[in-house]
All heavy atoms as atom14 arrays in JSON, in Angstrom:
{
  "sequence": "LEHVPGPEVDVNSPLQMLVSQIDYSEYVGRIAIGR",
  "atom14_mask": [
    [1, 1, 1, 1, 1, 1, 1, 1, 0, 0, 0, 0, 0, 0],
    [1, 1, 1, 1, 1, 1, 1, 1, 1, 0, 0, 0, 0, 0],
    [1, 1, 1, 1, 1, 1, 1, 1, 1, 1, 0, 0, 0, 0],
    [1, 1, 1, 1, 1, 1, 1, 0, 0, 0, 0, 0, 0, 0],
    [1, 1, 1, 1, 1, 1, 1, 0, 0, 0, 0, 0, 0, 0],
    [1, 1, 1, 1, 0, 0, 0, 0, 0, 0, 0, 0, 0, 0],
    [1, 1, 1, 1, 1, 1, 1, 0, 0, 0, 0, 0, 0, 0],
    [1, 1, 1, 1, 1, 1, 1, 1, 1, 0, 0, 0, 0, 0],
    [1, 1, 1, 1, 1, 1, 1, 0, 0, 0, 0, 0, 0, 0],
    [1, 1, 1, 1, 1, 1, 1, 1, 0, 0, 0, 0, 0, 0],
    [1, 1, 1, 1, 1, 1, 1, 0, 0, 0, 0, 0, 0, 0],
    [1, 1, 1, 1, 1, 1, 1, 1, 0, 0, 0, 0, 0, 0],
    [1, 1, 1, 1, 1, 1, 0, 0, 0, 0, 0, 0, 0, 0],
    [1, 1, 1, 1, 1, 1, 1, 0, 0, 0, 0, 0, 0, 0],
    [1, 1, 1, 1, 1, 1, 1, 1, 0, 0, 0, 0, 0, 0],
    [1, 1, 1, 1, 1, 1, 1, 1, 1, 0, 0, 0, 0, 0],
    [1, 1, 1, 1, 1, 1, 1, 1, 0, 0, 0, 0, 0, 0],
    [1, 1, 1, 1, 1, 1, 1, 1, 0, 0, 0, 0, 0, 0],
    [1, 1, 1, 1, 1, 1, 1, 0, 0, 0, 0, 0, 0, 0],
    [1, 1, 1, 1, 1, 1, 0, 0, 0, 0, 0, 0, 0, 0],
    [1, 1, 1, 1, 1, 1, 1, 1, 1, 0, 0, 0, 0, 0],
    [1, 1, 1, 1, 1, 1, 1, 1, 0, 0, 0, 0, 0, 0],
    [1, 1, 1, 1, 1, 1, 1, 1, 0, 0, 0, 0, 0, 0],
    [1, 1, 1, 1, 1, 1, 1, 1, 1, 1, 1, 1, 0, 0],
    [1, 1, 1, 1, 1, 1, 0, 0, 0, 0, 0, 0, 0, 0],
    [1, 1, 1, 1, 1, 1, 1, 1, 1, 0, 0, 0, 0, 0],
    [1, 1, 1, 1, 1, 1, 1, 1, 1, 1, 1, 1, 0, 0],
    [1, 1, 1, 1, 1, 1, 1, 0, 0, 0, 0, 0, 0, 0],
    [1, 1, 1, 1, 0, 0, 0, 0, 0, 0, 0, 0, 0, 0],
    [1, 1, 1, 1, 1, 1, 1, 1, 1, 1, 1, 0, 0, 0],
    [1, 1, 1, 1, 1, 1, 1, 1, 0, 0, 0, 0, 0, 0],
    [1, 1, 1, 1, 1, 0, 0, 0, 0, 0, 0, 0, 0, 0],
    [1, 1, 1, 1, 1, 1, 1, 1, 0, 0, 0, 0, 0, 0],
    [1, 1, 1, 1, 0, 0, 0, 0, 0, 0, 0, 0, 0, 0],
    [1, 1, 1, 1, 1, 1, 1, 1, 1, 1, 1, 0, 0, 0]
  ],
  "atom14_positions": [
    [[-145.43, -198.15, -2.85], [-145.57, -196.79, -3.39], [-146.06, -195.8, -2.33], [-145.65, -194.67, -2.34], [-146.56, -196.78, -4.58], [-146.15, -197.54, -5.85], [-147.12, -197.23, -6.98], [-144.74, -197.2, -6.27], [0.0, 0.0, 0.0], [0.0, 0.0, 0.0], [0.0, 0.0, 0.0], [0.0, 0.0, 0.0], [0.0, 0.0, 0.0], [0.0, 0.0, 0.0]],
    [[-146.85, -196.29, -1.42], [-147.38, -195.4, -0.39], [-146.36, -195.06, 0.7], [-146.33, -193.94, 1.16], [-148.62, -196.06, 0.26], [-149.25, -195.21, 1.38], [-150.44, -195.9, 2.02], [-150.85, -196.99, 1.59], [-150.95, -195.3, 3.01], [0.0, 0.0, 0.0], [0.0, 0.0, 0.0], [0.0, 0.0, 0.0], [0.0, 0.0, 0.0], [0.0, 0.0, 0.0]],
    [[-145.55, -196.03, 1.09], [-144.71, -195.85, 2.27], [-143.24, -195.57, 1.97], [-142.54, -195.04, 2.82], [-144.85, -197.07, 3.18], [-146.2, -197.21, 3.8], [-146.59, -196.44, 4.89], [-147.25, -198.0, 3.5], [-147.82, -196.78, 5.25], [-148.27, -197.71, 4.38], [0.0, 0.0, 0.0], [0.0, 0.0, 0.0], [0.0, 0.0, 0.0], [0.0, 0.0, 0.0]],
    [[-142.76, -195.98, 0.79], [-141.34, -195.68, 0.47], [-141.34, -194.34, -0.27], [-141.99, -194.16, -1.26], [-140.75, -196.78, -0.42], [-139.34, -196.38, -0.87], [-140.7, -198.07, 0.32], [0.0, 0.0, 0.0], [0.0, 0.0, 0.0], [0.0, 0.0, 0.0], [0.0, 0.0, 0.0], [0.0, 0.0, 0.0], [0.0, 0.0, 0.0], [0.0, 0.0, 0.0]],
    [[-140.59, -193.36, 0.26], [-140.54, -192.05, -0.39], [-139.78, -192.08, -1.7], [-138.86, -192.88, -1.87], [-139.86, -191.17, 0.66], [-138.95, -192.13, 1.39], [-139.72, -193.42, 1.45], [0.0, 0.0, 0.0], [0.0, 0.0, 0.0], [0.0, 0.0, 0.0], [0.0, 0.0, 0.0], [0.0, 0.0, 0.0], [0.0, 0.0, 0.0], [0.0, 0.0, 0.0]],
    [[-140.13, -191.19, -2.58], [-139.29, -190.97, -3.74], [-137.99, -190.31, -3.31], [-137.88, -189.75, -2.26], [0.0, 0.0, 0.0], [0.0, 0.0, 0.0], [0.0, 0.0, 0.0], [0.0, 0.0, 0.0], [0.0, 0.0, 0.0], [0.0, 0.0, 0.0], [0.0, 0.0, 0.0], [0.0, 0.0, 0.0], [0.0, 0.0, 0.0], [0.0, 0.0, 0.0]],
    [[-136.95, -190.42, -4.1], [-135.67, -189.86, -3.75], [-135.69, -188.34, -3.59], [-136.34, -187.64, -4.4], [-134.72, -190.27, -4.86], [-135.63, -190.56, -6.01], [-136.93, -191.04, -5.44], [0.0, 0.0, 0.0], [0.0, 0.0, 0.0], [0.0, 0.0, 0.0], [0.0, 0.0, 0.0], [0.0, 0.0, 0.0], [0.0, 0.0, 0.0], [0.0, 0.0, 0.0]],
    [[-135.07, -187.83, -2.54], [-134.9, -186.39, -2.39], [-133.72, -185.92, -3.19], [-132.59, -186.39, -2.99], [-134.74, -186.06, -0.87], [-134.8, -184.58, -0.55], [-134.81, -184.31, 0.91], [-134.66, -185.26, 1.73], [-134.96, -183.11, 1.27], [0.0, 0.0, 0.0], [0.0, 0.0, 0.0], [0.0, 0.0, 0.0], [0.0, 0.0, 0.0], [0.0, 0.0, 0.0]],
    [[-133.97, -184.96, -4.09], [-132.94, -184.61, -5.04], [-132.77, -183.11, -5.18], [-133.67, -182.35, -4.81], [-133.3, -185.2, -6.45], [-133.4, -186.72, -6.39], [-134.61, -184.6, -7.0], [0.0, 0.0, 0.0], [0.0, 0.0, 0.0], [0.0, 0.0, 0.0], [0.0, 0.0, 0.0], [0.0, 0.0, 0.0], [0.0, 0.0, 0.0], [0.0, 0.0, 0.0]],
    [[-131.63, -182.78, -5.71], [-131.37, -181.37, -6.05], [-130.89, -181.36, -7.51], [-129.72, -181.53, -7.76], [-130.32, -180.76, -5.12], [-130.17, -179.24, -5.36], [-130.66, -178.76, -6.37], [-129.57, -178.61, -4.46], [0.0, 0.0, 0.0], [0.0, 0.0, 0.0], [0.0, 0.0, 0.0], [0.0, 0.0, 0.0], [0.0, 0.0, 0.0], [0.0, 0.0, 0.0]],
    [[-131.82, -181.24, -8.41], [-131.54, -181.32, -9.82], [-130.68, -180.19, -10.32], [-129.85, -180.33, -11.27], [-132.83, -181.38, -10.66], [-132.55, -181.44, -12.15], [-133.67, -182.61, -10.22], [0.0, 0.0, 0.0], [0.0, 0.0, 0.0], [0.0, 0.0, 0.0], [0.0, 0.0, 0.0], [0.0, 0.0, 0.0], [0.0, 0.0, 0.0], [0.0, 0.0, 0.0]],
    [[-130.78, -179.02, -9.71], [-130.07, -177.84, -10.19], [-128.67, -177.71, -9.68], [-127.95, -176.8, -10.09], [-130.9, -176.58, -9.82], [-132.25, -176.56, -10.5], [-132.39, -176.95, -11.64], [-133.27, -176.17, -9.74], [0.0, 0.0, 0.0], [0.0, 0.0, 0.0], [0.0, 0.0, 0.0], [0.0, 0.0, 0.0], [0.0, 0.0, 0.0], [0.0, 0.0, 0.0]],
    [[-128.27, -178.53, -8.74], [-126.89, -178.5, -8.24], [-125.92, -179.18, -9.19], [-126.37, -179.96, -10.04], [-126.83, -179.15, -6.85], [-127.48, -178.38, -5.88], [0.0, 0.0, 0.0], [0.0, 0.0, 0.0], [0.0, 0.0, 0.0], [0.0, 0.0, 0.0], [0.0, 0.0, 0.0], [0.0, 0.0, 0.0], [0.0, 0.0, 0.0], [0.0, 0.0, 0.0]],
    [[-124.62, -178.93, -9.04], [-123.67, -179.65, -9.89], [-123.74, -181.16, -9.65], [-124.16, -181.64, -8.59], [-122.34, -179.09, -9.41], [-122.64, -177.75, -8.8], [-123.98, -177.93, -8.18], [0.0, 0.0, 0.0], [0.0, 0.0, 0.0], [0.0, 0.0, 0.0], [0.0, 0.0, 0.0], [0.0, 0.0, 0.0], [0.0, 0.0, 0.0], [0.0, 0.0, 0.0]],
    [[-123.3, -181.93, -10.65], [-123.38, -183.37, -10.55], [-122.59, -183.97, -9.41], [-121.48, -183.56, -9.12], [-122.81, -183.94, -11.88], [-122.62, -185.47, -11.88], [-123.95, -186.18, -11.88], [-121.8, -185.89, -13.11], [0.0, 0.0, 0.0], [0.0, 0.0, 0.0], [0.0, 0.0, 0.0], [0.0, 0.0, 0.0], [0.0, 0.0, 0.0], [0.0, 0.0, 0.0]],
    [[-123.22, -184.91, -8.74], [-122.56, -185.76, -7.75], [-123.12, -187.16, -7.86], [-124.32, -187.36, -7.79], [-122.8, -185.27, -6.32], [-122.1, -183.96, -5.96], [-122.36, -183.61, -4.51], [-123.4, -183.89, -3.96], [-121.41, -182.94, -3.9], [0.0, 0.0, 0.0], [0.0, 0.0, 0.0], [0.0, 0.0, 0.0], [0.0, 0.0, 0.0], [0.0, 0.0, 0.0]],
    [[-122.26, -188.15, -8.05], [-122.68, -189.53, -8.16], [-121.67, -190.39, -7.46], [-120.47, -190.41, -7.78], [-122.83, -189.99, -9.63], [-123.09, -191.45, -9.81], [-123.32, -191.91, -11.57], [-122.98, -193.68, -11.49], [0.0, 0.0, 0.0], [0.0, 0.0, 0.0], [0.0, 0.0, 0.0], [0.0, 0.0, 0.0], [0.0, 0.0, 0.0], [0.0, 0.0, 0.0]],
    [[-122.11, -191.17, -6.46], [-121.24, -192.07, -5.71], [-121.29, -193.45, -6.4], [-122.35, -194.01, -6.62], [-121.72, -192.18, -4.27], [-120.93, -193.17, -3.39], [-119.51, -192.66, -3.19], [-121.64, -193.33, -2.04], [0.0, 0.0, 0.0], [0.0, 0.0, 0.0], [0.0, 0.0, 0.0], [0.0, 0.0, 0.0], [0.0, 0.0, 0.0], [0.0, 0.0, 0.0]],
    [[-120.11, -194.0, -6.64], [-119.99, -195.31, -7.25], [-120.13, -196.39, -6.2], [-119.33, -196.49, -5.27], [-118.64, -195.48, -8.02], [-118.54, -196.86, -8.63], [-118.52, -194.41, -9.06], [0.0, 0.0, 0.0], [0.0, 0.0, 0.0], [0.0, 0.0, 0.0], [0.0, 0.0, 0.0], [0.0, 0.0, 0.0], [0.0, 0.0, 0.0], [0.0, 0.0, 0.0]],
    [[-121.2, -197.19, -6.32], [-121.47, -198.25, -5.33], [-121.16, -199.65, -5.83], [-120.98, -200.58, -5.05], [-122.97, -198.21, -4.94], [-123.26, -196.97, -4.32], [0.0, 0.0, 0.0], [0.0, 0.0, 0.0], [0.0, 0.0, 0.0], [0.0, 0.0, 0.0], [0.0, 0.0, 0.0], [0.0, 0.0, 0.0], [0.0, 0.0, 0.0], [0.0, 0.0, 0.0]],
    [[-121.13, -199.8, -7.15], [-120.84, -201.11, -7.76], [-119.99, -200.95, -8.98], [-120.05, -199.92, -9.64], [-122.14, -201.86, -8.14], [-123.08, -202.17, -6.99], [-124.42, -202.63, -7.51], [-125.31, -201.84, -7.73], [-124.58, -203.92, -7.75], [0.0, 0.0, 0.0], [0.0, 0.0, 0.0], [0.0, 0.0, 0.0], [0.0, 0.0, 0.0], [0.0, 0.0, 0.0]],
    [[-119.24, -202.0, -9.32], [-118.47, -202.04, -10.56], [-118.87, -203.3, -11.34], [-118.81, -204.37, -10.77], [-116.96, -202.01, -10.32], [-116.52, -200.66, -9.68], [-116.2, -202.25, -11.65], [-116.56, -199.47, -10.64], [0.0, 0.0, 0.0], [0.0, 0.0, 0.0], [0.0, 0.0, 0.0], [0.0, 0.0, 0.0], [0.0, 0.0, 0.0], [0.0, 0.0, 0.0]],
    [[-119.26, -203.11, -12.57], [-119.52, -204.23, -13.45], [-118.42, -204.21, -14.53], [-117.65, -203.26, -14.62], [-120.91, -204.12, -14.06], [-121.4, -205.46, -14.62], [-120.64, -206.44, -14.59], [-122.57, -205.55, -15.07], [0.0, 0.0, 0.0], [0.0, 0.0, 0.0], [0.0, 0.0, 0.0], [0.0, 0.0, 0.0], [0.0, 0.0, 0.0], [0.0, 0.0, 0.0]],
    [[-118.35, -205.28, -15.33], [-117.32, -205.29, -16.38], [-117.92, -205.91, -17.63], [-118.67, -206.87, -17.6], [-116.12, -206.1, -15.95], [-115.01, -206.08, -16.98], [-114.15, -205.04, -17.09], [-114.87, -207.16, -17.88], [-113.13, -205.0, -18.06], [-113.89, -207.16, -18.83], [-113.02, -206.09, -18.94], [-112.05, -206.02, -19.91], [0.0, 0.0, 0.0], [0.0, 0.0, 0.0]],
    [[-117.55, -205.34, -18.79], [-117.9, -205.87, -20.09], [-116.65, -205.95, -20.92], [-115.82, -205.03, -20.93], [-118.93, -204.94, -20.77], [-119.02, -205.23, -22.15], [0.0, 0.0, 0.0], [0.0, 0.0, 0.0], [0.0, 0.0, 0.0], [0.0, 0.0, 0.0], [0.0, 0.0, 0.0], [0.0, 0.0, 0.0], [0.0, 0.0, 0.0], [0.0, 0.0, 0.0]],
    [[-116.48, -207.03, -21.65], [-115.31, -207.19, -22.51], [-115.39, -206.21, -23.68], [-114.36, -205.99, -24.36], [-115.22, -208.61, -23.03], [-116.4, -209.08, -23.87], [-116.24, -210.53, -24.28], [-115.97, -211.37, -23.44], [-116.39, -210.77, -25.51], [0.0, 0.0, 0.0], [0.0, 0.0, 0.0], [0.0, 0.0, 0.0], [0.0, 0.0, 0.0], [0.0, 0.0, 0.0]],
    [[-116.54, -205.61, -23.91], [-116.67, -204.67, -25.01], [-116.4, -203.24, -24.59], [-115.81, -202.46, -25.33], [-118.09, -204.74, -25.6], [-118.42, -206.15, -26.11], [-119.27, -206.98, -25.4], [-117.87, -206.62, -27.3], [-119.59, -208.23, -25.87], [-118.16, -207.85, -27.77], [-119.02, -208.7, -27.06], [-119.33, -209.96, -27.52], [0.0, 0.0, 0.0], [0.0, 0.0, 0.0]],
    [[-116.87, -202.86, -23.42], [-116.71, -201.45, -23.0], [-115.86, -201.29, -21.74], [-115.61, -200.16, -21.27], [-118.11, -200.75, -22.74], [-118.9, -200.76, -24.03], [-118.87, -201.49, -21.65], [0.0, 0.0, 0.0], [0.0, 0.0, 0.0], [0.0, 0.0, 0.0], [0.0, 0.0, 0.0], [0.0, 0.0, 0.0], [0.0, 0.0, 0.0], [0.0, 0.0, 0.0]],
    [[-115.38, -202.36, -21.15], [-114.54, -202.27, -19.97], [-115.35, -202.1, -18.69], [-116.45, -202.66, -18.54], [0.0, 0.0, 0.0], [0.0, 0.0, 0.0], [0.0, 0.0, 0.0], [0.0, 0.0, 0.0], [0.0, 0.0, 0.0], [0.0, 0.0, 0.0], [0.0, 0.0, 0.0], [0.0, 0.0, 0.0], [0.0, 0.0, 0.0], [0.0, 0.0, 0.0]],
    [[-114.81, -201.31, -17.77], [-115.42, -201.18, -16.46], [-116.67, -200.3, -16.57], [-116.73, -199.32, -17.29], [-114.42, -200.54, -15.47], [-113.24, -201.44, -15.18], [-112.16, -200.71, -14.41], [-112.51, -200.55, -13.01], [-112.32, -201.5, -12.1], [-111.88, -202.7, -12.43], [-112.63, -201.28, -10.82], [0.0, 0.0, 0.0], [0.0, 0.0, 0.0], [0.0, 0.0, 0.0]],
    [[-117.71, -200.71, -15.79], [-118.99, -200.02, -15.77], [-119.27, -199.56, -14.34], [-119.39, -200.43, -13.45], [-120.14, -200.9, -16.3], [-119.8, -201.41, -17.69], [-121.44, -200.12, -16.27], [-120.78, -202.49, -18.17], [0.0, 0.0, 0.0], [0.0, 0.0, 0.0], [0.0, 0.0, 0.0], [0.0, 0.0, 0.0], [0.0, 0.0, 0.0], [0.0, 0.0, 0.0]],
    [[-119.3, -198.3, -14.1], [-119.54, -197.74, -12.76], [-121.03, -197.61, -12.54], [-121.74, -196.97, -13.33], [-118.84, -196.41, -12.59], [0.0, 0.0, 0.0], [0.0, 0.0, 0.0], [0.0, 0.0, 0.0], [0.0, 0.0, 0.0], [0.0, 0.0, 0.0], [0.0, 0.0, 0.0], [0.0, 0.0, 0.0], [0.0, 0.0, 0.0], [0.0, 0.0, 0.0]],
    [[-121.53, -198.12, -11.43], [-122.97, -198.07, -11.13], [-123.16, -197.33, -9.8], [-122.43, -197.61, -8.82], [-123.53, -199.51, -11.02], [-123.36, -200.25, -12.35], [-125.02, -199.48, -10.61], [-123.67, -201.73, -12.28], [0.0, 0.0, 0.0], [0.0, 0.0, 0.0], [0.0, 0.0, 0.0], [0.0, 0.0, 0.0], [0.0, 0.0, 0.0], [0.0, 0.0, 0.0]],
    [[-124.09, -196.45, -9.78], [-124.38, -195.72, -8.54], [-125.58, -194.84, -8.68], [-126.18, -194.76, -9.76], [0.0, 0.0, 0.0], [0.0, 0.0, 0.0], [0.0, 0.0, 0.0], [0.0, 0.0, 0.0], [0.0, 0.0, 0.0], [0.0, 0.0, 0.0], [0.0, 0.0, 0.0], [0.0, 0.0, 0.0], [0.0, 0.0, 0.0], [0.0, 0.0, 0.0]],
    [[-125.98, -194.26, -7.59], [-127.1, -193.35, -7.56], [-126.65, -191.9, -7.74], [-125.64, -191.5, -7.12], [-127.86, -193.5, -6.26], [-128.97, -192.47, -6.06], [-129.82, -192.84, -4.9], [-130.57, -191.72, -4.36], [-131.49, -191.8, -3.43], [-131.73, -192.97, -2.86], [-132.1, -190.72, -2.98], [0.0, 0.0, 0.0], [0.0, 0.0, 0.0], [0.0, 0.0, 0.0]]
  ]
}
C-alpha cells in the first residue's frame, strides 16, 4: 500500500478500456477483461 501507487485516472474523459484477456462462459459467451 505504501509503495505501489493507486492508478492514475481521468474519470471525466470519454471511456477507454483496453482488452487484455478473453474469458468464455457457455451462458454469456465471450467475456472481455481489461483495465
